Structures are given as C-alpha cells and as structure tokens.
Amino acid sequence: MNEKTAARLSRKPRALKPRNPLATAALMRKGGEHARTDKKAGRARQKAAWLKSRDE
C-alpha cells in the first residue's frame, strides 16, 4: 500500500453538521409548479388572467 491509500483508509469519517431548520423552509418555498417562461407562455398567462377577471 502506498502512502495515499493508507492515509485515505485511516481517515475518520467526518460528522455531518446539522442543517439549519430556518434555512430549509426558505429553500422549499421556491419550489412548486414548473412553468414556461418564454414570451408565448407569459402572454397566455396574461390573457387567461384577463379572461378570468372579465368573467367575474
């Protein structure tokens, strides 16, 4: 065995740091429905919102 593999085998596994519970909620908030962001999709969303508001 050479020095590199011996050092790798003798290394202790690192203890994992606990996650910050306040930060994980913010990360999950940005999830959700995947919507197209191109010009046609934006215009379709705009028109759908306009039609919905017009019907009410």
C-alpha atoms as a PDB file:
ATOM      1  CA  MET A   1       0.000   0.000   0.000  1.00  0.00           C
ATOM      2  CA  ASN A   2       1.319   3.427  -0.805  1.00  0.00           C
ATOM      3  CA  GLU A   3       1.050   6.466   1.453  1.00  0.00           C
ATOM      4  CA  LYS A   4      -2.009   7.980  -0.218  1.00  0.00           C
ATOM      5  CA  THR A   5      -4.211   4.899   0.140  1.00  0.00           C
ATOM      6  CA  ALA A   6      -3.034   4.314   3.711  1.00  0.00           C
ATOM      7  CA  ALA A   7      -3.941   7.884   4.658  1.00  0.00           C
ATOM      8  CA  ARG A   8      -7.325   7.553   2.976  1.00  0.00           C
ATOM      9  CA  LEU A   9      -8.134   4.320   4.799  1.00  0.00           C
ATOM     10  CA  SER A  10      -7.079   5.608   8.224  1.00  0.00           C
ATOM     11  CA  ARG A  11      -9.079   8.843   7.945  1.00  0.00           C
ATOM     12  CA  LYS A  12     -12.095   9.075  10.251  1.00  0.00           C
ATOM     13  CA  PRO A  13     -15.453   9.840   8.663  1.00  0.00           C
ATOM     14  CA  ARG A  14     -16.479  13.417   9.348  1.00  0.00           C
ATOM     15  CA  ALA A  15     -19.526  14.093  11.469  1.00  0.00           C
ATOM     16  CA  LEU A  16     -22.255  15.775   9.462  1.00  0.00           C
ATOM     17  CA  LYS A  17     -23.282  19.248  10.557  1.00  0.00           C
ATOM     18  CA  PRO A  18     -26.981  19.533  11.338  1.00  0.00           C
ATOM     19  CA  ARG A  19     -28.958  21.609   8.879  1.00  0.00           C
ATOM     20  CA  ASN A  20     -30.333  24.976   9.855  1.00  0.00           C
ATOM     21  CA  PRO A  21     -34.113  24.401  10.199  1.00  0.00           C
ATOM     22  CA  LEU A  22     -34.826  28.066   9.489  1.00  0.00           C
ATOM     23  CA  ALA A  23     -32.980  27.968   6.175  1.00  0.00           C
ATOM     24  CA  THR A  24     -34.631  24.820   4.823  1.00  0.00           C
ATOM     25  CA  ALA A  25     -38.109  26.370   4.852  1.00  0.00           C
ATOM     26  CA  ALA A  26     -36.899  29.211   2.635  1.00  0.00           C
ATOM     27  CA  LEU A  27     -35.373  26.736   0.203  1.00  0.00           C
ATOM     28  CA  MET A  28     -38.618  24.799  -0.078  1.00  0.00           C
ATOM     29  CA  ARG A  29     -40.627  27.961  -0.704  1.00  0.00           C
ATOM     30  CA  LYS A  30     -39.003  28.458  -4.097  1.00  0.00           C
ATOM     31  CA  GLY A  31     -40.190  25.056  -5.289  1.00  0.00           C
ATOM     32  CA  GLY A  32     -43.503  24.421  -6.918  1.00  0.00           C
ATOM     33  CA  GLU A  33     -45.007  24.239 -10.336  1.00  0.00           C
ATOM     34  CA  HIS A  34     -42.610  24.434 -13.260  1.00  0.00           C
ATOM     35  CA  ALA A  35     -43.980  26.968 -15.713  1.00  0.00           C
ATOM     36  CA  ARG A  36     -42.594  28.031 -19.076  1.00  0.00           C
ATOM     37  CA  THR A  37     -41.005  31.461 -19.043  1.00  0.00           C
ATOM     38  CA  ASP A  38     -40.910  32.300 -22.738  1.00  0.00           C
ATOM     39  CA  LYS A  39     -42.900  35.124 -24.368  1.00  0.00           C
ATOM     40  CA  LYS A  40     -45.782  32.950 -25.597  1.00  0.00           C
ATOM     41  CA  ALA A  41     -46.334  31.380 -22.179  1.00  0.00           C
ATOM     42  CA  GLY A  42     -46.283  34.782 -20.478  1.00  0.00           C
ATOM     43  CA  ARG A  43     -48.828  36.141 -22.931  1.00  0.00           C
ATOM     44  CA  ALA A  44     -51.045  33.074 -22.407  1.00  0.00           C
ATOM     45  CA  ARG A  45     -50.930  33.544 -18.619  1.00  0.00           C
ATOM     46  CA  GLN A  46     -51.724  37.235 -19.035  1.00  0.00           C
ATOM     47  CA  LYS A  47     -54.682  36.509 -21.323  1.00  0.00           C
ATOM     48  CA  ALA A  48     -56.020  33.767 -19.015  1.00  0.00           C
ATOM     49  CA  ALA A  49     -55.894  36.155 -16.048  1.00  0.00           C
ATOM     50  CA  TRP A  50     -57.634  38.851 -18.096  1.00  0.00           C
ATOM     51  CA  LEU A  51     -60.380  36.443 -19.206  1.00  0.00           C
ATOM     52  CA  LYS A  52     -60.854  35.232 -15.642  1.00  0.00           C
ATOM     53  CA  SER A  53     -61.171  38.789 -14.295  1.00  0.00           C
ATOM     54  CA  ARG A  54     -63.557  39.717 -17.118  1.00  0.00           C
ATOM     55  CA  ASP A  55     -65.903  36.817 -16.331  1.00  0.00           C
ATOM     56  CA  GLU A  56     -66.245  37.763 -12.673  1.00  0.00           C
END
